[in-house]
Amino acid sequence: MNEMASQNCGTKKQKLNNSSSLACNGSAVPPNGLKNGTVARPEMCFFCFDVLNSHLNCLEPPKAPDFCNDPYPIFVTWETSKERRLRGCIGTFGAKNLHLGLREYAVTSAVKDSRFSPITQDELPKLRVAVSLLRHFEDGSDYLDWEVGVHGISIEYHSDRGVRHSATYLPEVAPKQGWDQIQTIDSLLRKGGFKGAVTPEIRSAIKLTRYKSEKISVTYDEYMEHCRLLQSQATGAISECSTSEGCSSDMMDMVPQKQLTDWAENSENNVIFVTKTGDIAVKIHAKPGAKKNNITDISDEGVGVQISAPPVEGEANTELVRYIAEVLGLRKGDVSLDKGSRSRNKTILVAQGKLSAEEVTEKIKREMGSN
């Protein structure tokens, strides 16, 4: 089976006779025969957030996830959480292994959907992501051989010059837009690039394929709750290992194989990470004697912080702790200086359970961007 070029799955609000809708590239539709049983899991959406967060923040990509890696046609959709406004949706009808496909389309749907401006780092907390796995493909007997809200449809038609065009809508598109079957077909023709009058003869000439979709979606808040749970599990497992002669295989299995595991492993290459005791460590490259407190950059040396106090009798260290607590929205007692009291390279600790490593990173980046 040949893999199809990436397609947009949804639509902006549009008039049904508007010829300015975007065209989609076509391809072969996969046959039936995908395995039975529910496949879509919330972890797939969490993984998409991991991937996009790493991409937007120039972090190392997350490790391979734990869910199955079987091949399926995939679409990834980004929407705003409250208004449910579409921000990007791209996928493929060609069956792709889930790990690779989600890693690819989590980013391309967010930043390369030509209908929308690329999603930015500041938008991430306002979004939800949905993963759709397409299954049960069947040829329709005609353009009406499908049900609104039950089937997604892919249409194929040929122009007067014999050029093949195609377009698709996932199952949720038609009911969300309030369309009936005819309106949906007409909209798909426009989406596929048809610019003439849509007549019954044109509709009858369409080749239609219907399919069903397993869809799962999560919000950013749900993703963050998931991250906190993983961090708590990883911290508990690592802490128990550090206080015993060794770890059982069951205990090591508690450590999640995801991006937060990297923080929990306390790698010296990380700038912000979880320590073995569960605190959040932040490496700081301090620059005392500045005109005002400011976060300037994040580099291999650490978080660059300008401090208004002079490096005299611990004044700069005291002000650094106060300023970081303010940036993180914590009490001063929740933040402490761990290493580097006499050096510009320092380590600040955020007390266990106050914030996740990712939340600390976000707040520091937000402060850096505000100056």
Protein backbone atom coordinates (compact mmCIF):
# COMPACT_ATOMS: atom_id res chain seq x y z
CA MET A 1 0.00 0.00 0.00
CA ASN A 2 1.37 3.40 -0.92
CA GLU A 3 1.43 5.99 1.78
CA MET A 4 -0.65 9.05 1.29
CA ALA A 5 0.66 12.57 1.45
CA SER A 6 -0.27 14.47 4.61
CA GLN A 7 -3.78 15.89 4.64
CA ASN A 8 -5.72 18.47 6.59
CA CYS A 9 -8.56 16.73 8.41
CA GLY A 10 -10.85 19.55 9.43
CA THR A 11 -12.17 22.84 8.23
CA LYS A 12 -12.48 26.44 9.18
CA LYS A 13 -15.99 27.83 9.29
CA GLN A 14 -16.86 28.23 5.64
CA LYS A 15 -19.68 28.96 3.27
CA LEU A 16 -20.45 25.81 1.36
CA ASN A 17 -20.00 27.44 -2.03
CA ASN A 18 -16.76 29.20 -1.15
CA SER A 19 -14.12 28.20 -3.68
CA SER A 20 -11.21 29.48 -1.56
CA SER A 21 -11.04 26.37 0.63
CA LEU A 22 -7.70 24.61 0.68
CA ALA A 23 -7.11 21.64 -1.56
CA CYS A 24 -5.78 18.37 -0.23
CA ASN A 25 -3.37 15.98 -1.85
CA GLY A 26 -4.78 12.53 -2.54
CA SER A 27 -3.62 9.00 -2.15
CA ALA A 28 -4.68 5.43 -1.87
CA VAL A 29 -6.99 4.50 0.97
CA PRO A 30 -5.90 1.59 3.16
CA PRO A 31 -7.85 -1.67 3.08
CA ASN A 32 -9.69 -3.28 5.91
CA GLY A 33 -7.89 -5.74 8.11
CA LEU A 34 -6.59 -3.60 10.98
CA LYS A 35 -6.77 -5.49 14.23
CA ASN A 36 -9.88 -5.39 16.39
CA GLY A 37 -10.12 -3.86 19.85
CA THR A 38 -9.69 -0.33 21.17
CA VAL A 39 -6.24 1.08 20.49
CA ALA A 40 -6.42 4.83 21.24
CA ARG A 41 -5.18 5.72 24.73
CA PRO A 42 -4.72 9.03 26.61
CA GLU A 43 -0.97 8.30 26.74
CA MET A 44 -0.86 8.98 22.99
CA CYS A 45 -2.08 12.53 23.61
CA PHE A 46 0.34 12.97 26.51
CA PHE A 47 3.12 11.91 24.16
CA CYS A 48 2.01 14.54 21.60
CA PHE A 49 2.24 17.22 24.29
CA ASP A 50 5.70 15.90 25.25
CA VAL A 51 6.85 16.09 21.63
CA LEU A 52 5.47 19.57 20.93
CA ASN A 53 6.71 20.95 24.25
CA SER A 54 10.22 19.66 23.48
CA HIS A 55 10.07 21.13 19.97
CA LEU A 56 8.89 24.59 21.08
CA ASN A 57 11.38 24.78 23.96
CA CYS A 58 14.36 23.32 22.06
CA LEU A 59 14.62 20.39 24.47
CA GLU A 60 15.74 16.85 23.79
CA PRO A 61 12.93 14.82 22.19
CA PRO A 62 11.07 12.50 24.59
CA LYS A 63 12.00 8.84 24.73
CA ALA A 64 9.92 6.19 22.98
CA PRO A 65 6.53 5.78 24.73
CA ASP A 66 5.20 2.59 26.31
CA PHE A 67 2.03 2.13 24.25
CA CYS A 68 1.86 -0.16 21.21
CA ASN A 69 3.73 0.70 18.03
CA ASP A 70 1.46 -0.95 15.46
CA PRO A 71 0.83 0.86 12.14
CA TYR A 72 -2.37 2.90 11.72
CA PRO A 73 -3.56 5.85 9.67
CA ILE A 74 -3.15 8.80 12.07
CA PHE A 75 -4.42 12.34 12.45
CA VAL A 76 -3.35 14.77 15.19
CA THR A 77 -5.61 17.74 15.97
CA TRP A 78 -4.81 20.81 18.08
CA GLU A 79 -7.63 23.02 19.40
CA THR A 80 -8.00 25.75 21.99
CA SER A 81 -9.31 24.23 25.22
CA LYS A 82 -12.17 26.65 25.91
CA GLU A 83 -13.47 27.77 22.52
CA ARG A 84 -12.55 24.48 20.79
CA ARG A 85 -11.16 26.58 17.95
CA LEU A 86 -9.13 24.55 15.48
CA ARG A 87 -5.39 25.41 15.50
CA GLY A 88 -4.09 22.64 13.28
CA CYS A 89 -4.85 19.15 12.04
CA ILE A 90 -2.65 17.03 9.80
CA GLY A 91 -2.32 13.30 9.33
CA THR A 92 -2.06 10.49 6.83
CA PHE A 93 -4.15 7.66 5.41
CA GLY A 94 -0.99 5.64 5.00
CA ALA A 95 -0.53 3.35 7.98
CA LYS A 96 2.40 4.58 10.12
CA ASN A 97 3.88 3.07 13.23
CA LEU A 98 2.33 4.96 16.11
CA HIS A 99 5.56 6.09 17.78
CA LEU A 100 6.98 7.63 14.62
CA GLY A 101 3.66 8.88 13.29
CA LEU A 102 2.64 10.68 16.48
CA ARG A 103 6.14 12.12 16.86
CA GLU A 104 5.91 13.53 13.32
CA TYR A 105 2.32 14.76 13.22
CA ALA A 106 2.30 16.24 16.73
CA VAL A 107 4.69 18.87 15.36
CA THR A 108 3.59 19.22 11.74
CA SER A 109 -0.07 19.66 12.69
CA ALA A 110 0.95 22.36 15.19
CA VAL A 111 3.35 24.41 13.08
CA LYS A 112 2.88 23.44 9.42
CA ASP A 113 -0.87 23.48 8.81
CA SER A 114 -0.98 26.19 6.13
CA ARG A 115 -4.46 27.29 7.18
CA PHE A 116 -3.20 28.63 10.51
CA SER A 117 -0.27 30.48 12.05
CA PRO A 118 2.16 28.16 13.84
CA ILE A 119 1.36 27.35 17.46
CA THR A 120 3.68 29.20 19.84
CA GLN A 121 5.15 28.30 23.20
CA ASP A 122 2.82 30.74 24.99
CA GLU A 123 -0.25 29.03 23.51
CA LEU A 124 0.58 25.55 24.78
CA PRO A 125 -1.20 25.88 28.20
CA LYS A 126 -4.39 26.91 26.38
CA LEU A 127 -4.61 23.90 24.08
CA ARG A 128 -6.03 20.41 23.86
CA VAL A 129 -4.80 17.68 21.53
CA ALA A 130 -6.71 14.84 19.94
CA VAL A 131 -5.34 11.69 18.33
CA SER A 132 -7.52 9.94 15.76
CA LEU A 133 -6.73 6.42 14.58
CA LEU A 134 -8.63 5.57 11.40
CA ARG A 135 -10.07 2.07 11.00
CA HIS A 136 -12.73 -0.01 9.25
CA PHE A 137 -12.40 1.45 5.75
CA GLU A 138 -15.21 0.55 3.33
CA ASP A 139 -16.10 1.64 -0.20
CA GLY A 140 -19.40 3.51 -0.31
CA SER A 141 -21.97 2.43 -2.90
CA ASP A 142 -22.61 6.13 -3.62
CA TYR A 143 -21.95 9.55 -2.13
CA LEU A 144 -24.75 9.11 0.44
CA ASP A 145 -23.63 5.69 1.72
CA TRP A 146 -22.43 6.95 5.12
CA GLU A 147 -23.82 8.36 8.38
CA VAL A 148 -23.20 11.85 9.79
CA GLY A 149 -21.43 11.60 13.15
CA VAL A 150 -20.59 7.92 12.64
CA HIS A 151 -18.29 7.85 9.63
CA GLY A 152 -15.43 9.91 8.39
CA ILE A 153 -15.40 10.14 4.62
CA SER A 154 -12.80 10.49 1.91
CA ILE A 155 -13.89 11.52 -1.56
CA GLU A 156 -12.06 11.25 -4.86
CA TYR A 157 -12.96 12.91 -8.13
CA HIS A 158 -11.29 13.78 -11.44
CA SER A 159 -11.21 17.21 -13.03
CA ASP A 160 -12.09 17.85 -16.68
CA ARG A 161 -8.38 17.42 -17.44
CA GLY A 162 -8.28 14.02 -15.76
CA VAL A 163 -6.39 15.20 -12.66
CA ARG A 164 -7.34 13.24 -9.54
CA HIS A 165 -8.33 15.23 -6.44
CA SER A 166 -9.29 14.04 -2.98
CA ALA A 167 -10.23 15.39 0.43
CA THR A 168 -11.34 14.00 3.77
CA TYR A 169 -13.25 14.96 6.89
CA LEU A 170 -12.97 13.07 10.16
CA PRO A 171 -16.27 11.84 11.71
CA GLU A 172 -16.63 14.80 14.08
CA VAL A 173 -16.40 17.54 11.42
CA ALA A 174 -19.89 17.37 9.89
CA PRO A 175 -21.85 17.39 13.19
CA LYS A 176 -19.59 20.11 14.58
CA GLN A 177 -20.36 22.30 11.56
CA GLY A 178 -24.06 21.38 11.61
CA TRP A 179 -23.95 19.92 8.09
CA ASP A 180 -26.09 17.23 6.54
CA GLN A 181 -24.74 14.73 4.00
CA ILE A 182 -25.16 16.96 0.95
CA GLN A 183 -23.56 19.97 2.64
CA THR A 184 -20.63 17.85 3.78
CA ILE A 185 -20.05 16.41 0.30
CA ASP A 186 -20.25 19.89 -1.27
CA SER A 187 -17.79 21.26 1.28
CA LEU A 188 -15.39 18.37 0.62
CA LEU A 189 -15.51 19.09 -3.12
CA ARG A 190 -14.54 22.71 -2.42
CA LYS A 191 -11.84 21.56 -0.04
CA GLY A 192 -10.50 19.27 -2.75
CA GLY A 193 -10.26 22.18 -5.16
CA PHE A 194 -13.48 21.89 -7.18
CA LYS A 195 -14.48 25.35 -8.38
CA GLY A 196 -17.44 24.70 -10.65
CA ALA A 197 -21.14 24.38 -9.94
CA VAL A 198 -21.87 21.36 -7.76
CA THR A 199 -24.64 19.41 -9.48
CA PRO A 200 -26.22 16.01 -8.74
CA GLU A 201 -24.18 14.62 -11.62
CA ILE A 202 -20.93 15.87 -10.05
CA ARG A 203 -21.85 14.31 -6.70
CA SER A 204 -22.79 11.01 -8.34
CA ALA A 205 -19.39 10.80 -10.03
CA ILE A 206 -17.59 10.90 -6.68
CA LYS A 207 -15.82 7.81 -5.36
CA LEU A 208 -16.49 7.73 -1.62
CA THR A 209 -14.73 5.76 1.09
CA ARG A 210 -16.13 5.72 4.60
CA TYR A 211 -14.24 4.88 7.76
CA LYS A 212 -14.50 5.09 11.52
CA SER A 213 -12.18 6.76 13.95
CA GLU A 214 -10.97 6.00 17.44
CA LYS A 215 -10.47 9.44 18.94
CA ILE A 216 -8.97 10.38 22.28
CA SER A 217 -8.25 13.90 23.49
CA VAL A 218 -6.73 15.58 26.56
CA THR A 219 -6.25 19.18 27.67
CA TYR A 220 -2.99 20.76 28.74
CA ASP A 221 -4.21 20.74 32.37
CA GLU A 222 -4.79 16.98 32.13
CA TYR A 223 -1.34 16.60 30.60
CA MET A 224 0.24 18.53 33.48
CA GLU A 225 -1.59 16.39 36.03
CA HIS A 226 -0.23 13.33 34.22
CA CYS A 227 3.29 14.81 34.38
CA ARG A 228 2.97 15.42 38.12
CA LEU A 229 1.84 11.83 38.64
CA LEU A 230 4.79 10.49 36.64
CA GLN A 231 7.18 12.72 38.53
CA SER A 232 5.78 11.54 41.87
CA GLN A 233 6.12 7.90 40.84
CA ALA A 234 9.65 8.40 39.54
CA THR A 235 10.71 10.31 42.64
CA GLY A 236 9.28 7.65 44.96
CA ALA A 237 10.96 4.80 43.11
CA ILE A 238 14.33 6.51 42.89
CA SER A 239 14.19 7.70 46.52
CA GLU A 240 13.52 4.15 47.77
CA CYS A 241 16.31 2.78 45.59
CA SER A 242 18.74 5.34 47.02
CA THR A 243 18.02 4.25 50.59
CA SER A 244 18.40 0.50 50.01
CA GLU A 245 21.15 -1.79 48.82
CA GLY A 246 19.40 -2.33 45.50
CA CYS A 247 16.17 -2.07 43.58
CA SER A 248 13.85 -4.90 42.70
CA SER A 249 12.68 -5.21 39.12
CA ASP A 250 9.18 -4.23 40.30
CA MET A 251 10.55 -1.03 41.81
CA MET A 252 12.49 -0.14 38.69
CA ASP A 253 9.35 -0.68 36.62
CA MET A 254 7.76 2.20 38.50
CA VAL A 255 10.15 4.68 36.90
CA PRO A 256 8.29 6.03 33.80
CA GLN A 257 10.10 5.81 30.49
CA LYS A 258 9.26 9.33 29.38
CA GLN A 259 10.72 12.80 29.34
CA LEU A 260 10.29 13.29 33.07
CA THR A 261 12.45 10.23 33.65
CA ASP A 262 15.36 12.23 32.28
CA TRP A 263 14.83 14.86 34.96
CA ALA A 264 14.39 12.20 37.68
CA GLU A 265 17.68 10.54 36.75
CA ASN A 266 19.45 13.71 37.95
CA SER A 267 21.71 13.96 34.93
CA GLU A 268 24.44 16.56 35.39
CA ASN A 269 23.76 17.74 31.84
CA ASN A 270 20.30 19.01 32.82
CA VAL A 271 19.71 22.60 33.89
CA ILE A 272 16.39 21.88 35.63
CA PHE A 273 15.85 18.40 37.04
CA VAL A 274 14.40 16.31 39.87
CA THR A 275 16.86 15.28 42.57
CA LYS A 276 16.84 11.91 44.30
CA THR A 277 15.09 13.50 47.28
CA GLY A 278 12.30 14.87 45.08
CA ASP A 279 13.33 18.52 45.09
CA ILE A 280 13.62 20.47 41.83
CA ALA A 281 17.18 21.63 41.18
CA VAL A 282 17.88 24.68 39.02
CA LYS A 283 21.43 25.44 37.88
CA ILE A 284 22.07 29.18 37.94
CA HIS A 285 24.76 31.28 36.29
CA ALA A 286 24.53 34.41 38.43
CA LYS A 287 25.51 37.92 37.35
CA PRO A 288 25.48 40.15 40.45
CA GLY A 289 25.66 43.95 40.53
CA ALA A 290 23.11 44.51 37.74
CA LYS A 291 20.70 47.45 37.58
CA LYS A 292 17.70 45.16 38.07
CA ASN A 293 16.85 41.50 38.55
CA ASN A 294 16.39 39.73 35.24
CA ILE A 295 16.54 36.26 33.65
CA THR A 296 18.63 36.62 30.51
CA ASP A 297 19.04 33.18 28.96
CA ILE A 298 19.19 29.41 29.45
CA SER A 299 22.45 27.78 28.40
CA ASP A 300 24.60 24.76 29.24
CA GLU A 301 25.97 26.75 32.19
CA GLY A 302 22.52 27.19 33.64
CA VAL A 303 19.80 29.81 33.87
CA GLY A 304 21.41 33.21 33.40
CA VAL A 305 20.20 35.51 36.19
CA GLN A 306 21.15 39.16 36.68
CA ILE A 307 20.92 40.18 40.34
CA SER A 308 20.64 43.79 41.49
CA ALA A 309 22.43 43.15 44.81
CA PRO A 310 26.26 43.23 45.05
CA PRO A 311 28.29 40.06 45.80
CA VAL A 312 29.05 41.25 49.34
CA GLU A 313 28.38 39.32 52.55
CA GLY A 314 25.85 37.05 50.88
CA GLU A 315 23.59 39.86 49.68
CA ALA A 316 23.51 38.60 46.08
CA ASN A 317 22.69 35.05 47.24
CA THR A 318 19.84 36.29 49.44
CA GLU A 319 18.41 38.40 46.63
CA LEU A 320 18.79 35.52 44.15
CA VAL A 321 16.73 33.19 46.33
CA ARG A 322 14.10 35.90 46.88
CA TYR A 323 13.89 36.69 43.15
CA ILE A 324 13.62 33.04 42.03
CA ALA A 325 10.87 32.44 44.61
CA GLU A 326 9.04 35.47 43.21
CA VAL A 327 9.40 34.22 39.63
CA LEU A 328 8.05 30.81 40.61
CA GLY A 329 5.20 32.24 42.68
CA LEU A 330 6.45 30.53 45.86
CA ARG A 331 7.30 31.57 49.38
CA LYS A 332 10.95 32.36 50.00
CA GLY A 333 11.11 29.40 52.39
CA ASP A 334 10.26 27.03 49.50
CA VAL A 335 13.45 27.99 47.66
CA SER A 336 17.00 27.57 48.95
CA LEU A 337 20.60 27.85 47.80
CA ASP A 338 22.15 24.38 47.65
CA LYS A 339 25.55 24.91 46.00
CA GLY A 340 27.82 27.73 44.87
CA SER A 341 27.50 30.30 47.64
CA ARG A 342 30.92 31.72 46.62
CA SER A 343 30.66 31.03 42.89
CA ARG A 344 28.69 32.46 40.00
CA ASN A 345 27.63 28.90 39.14
CA LYS A 346 25.03 27.96 41.73
CA THR A 347 22.27 25.42 42.31
CA ILE A 348 18.89 26.48 43.66
CA LEU A 349 16.49 23.93 45.15
CA VAL A 350 12.69 24.14 44.98
CA ALA A 351 11.09 22.14 47.80
CA GLN A 352 9.53 18.81 46.87
CA GLY A 353 5.88 18.90 45.82
CA LYS A 354 5.67 22.64 45.19
CA LEU A 355 6.10 22.57 41.40
CA SER A 356 7.05 20.06 38.73
CA ALA A 357 10.28 20.45 36.77
CA GLU A 358 8.26 21.39 33.72
CA GLU A 359 6.31 24.07 35.62
CA VAL A 360 9.57 25.55 36.89
CA THR A 361 10.90 25.60 33.33
CA GLU A 362 7.77 27.29 32.01
CA LYS A 363 7.77 30.00 34.68
CA ILE A 364 11.45 30.75 34.13
CA LYS A 365 10.97 30.96 30.37
CA ARG A 366 7.94 33.19 30.83
CA GLU A 367 9.95 35.57 33.03
CA MET A 368 12.78 35.56 30.49
CA GLY A 369 10.36 36.44 27.70
CA SER A 370 8.78 39.31 29.65
CA ASN A 371 12.02 41.30 29.86
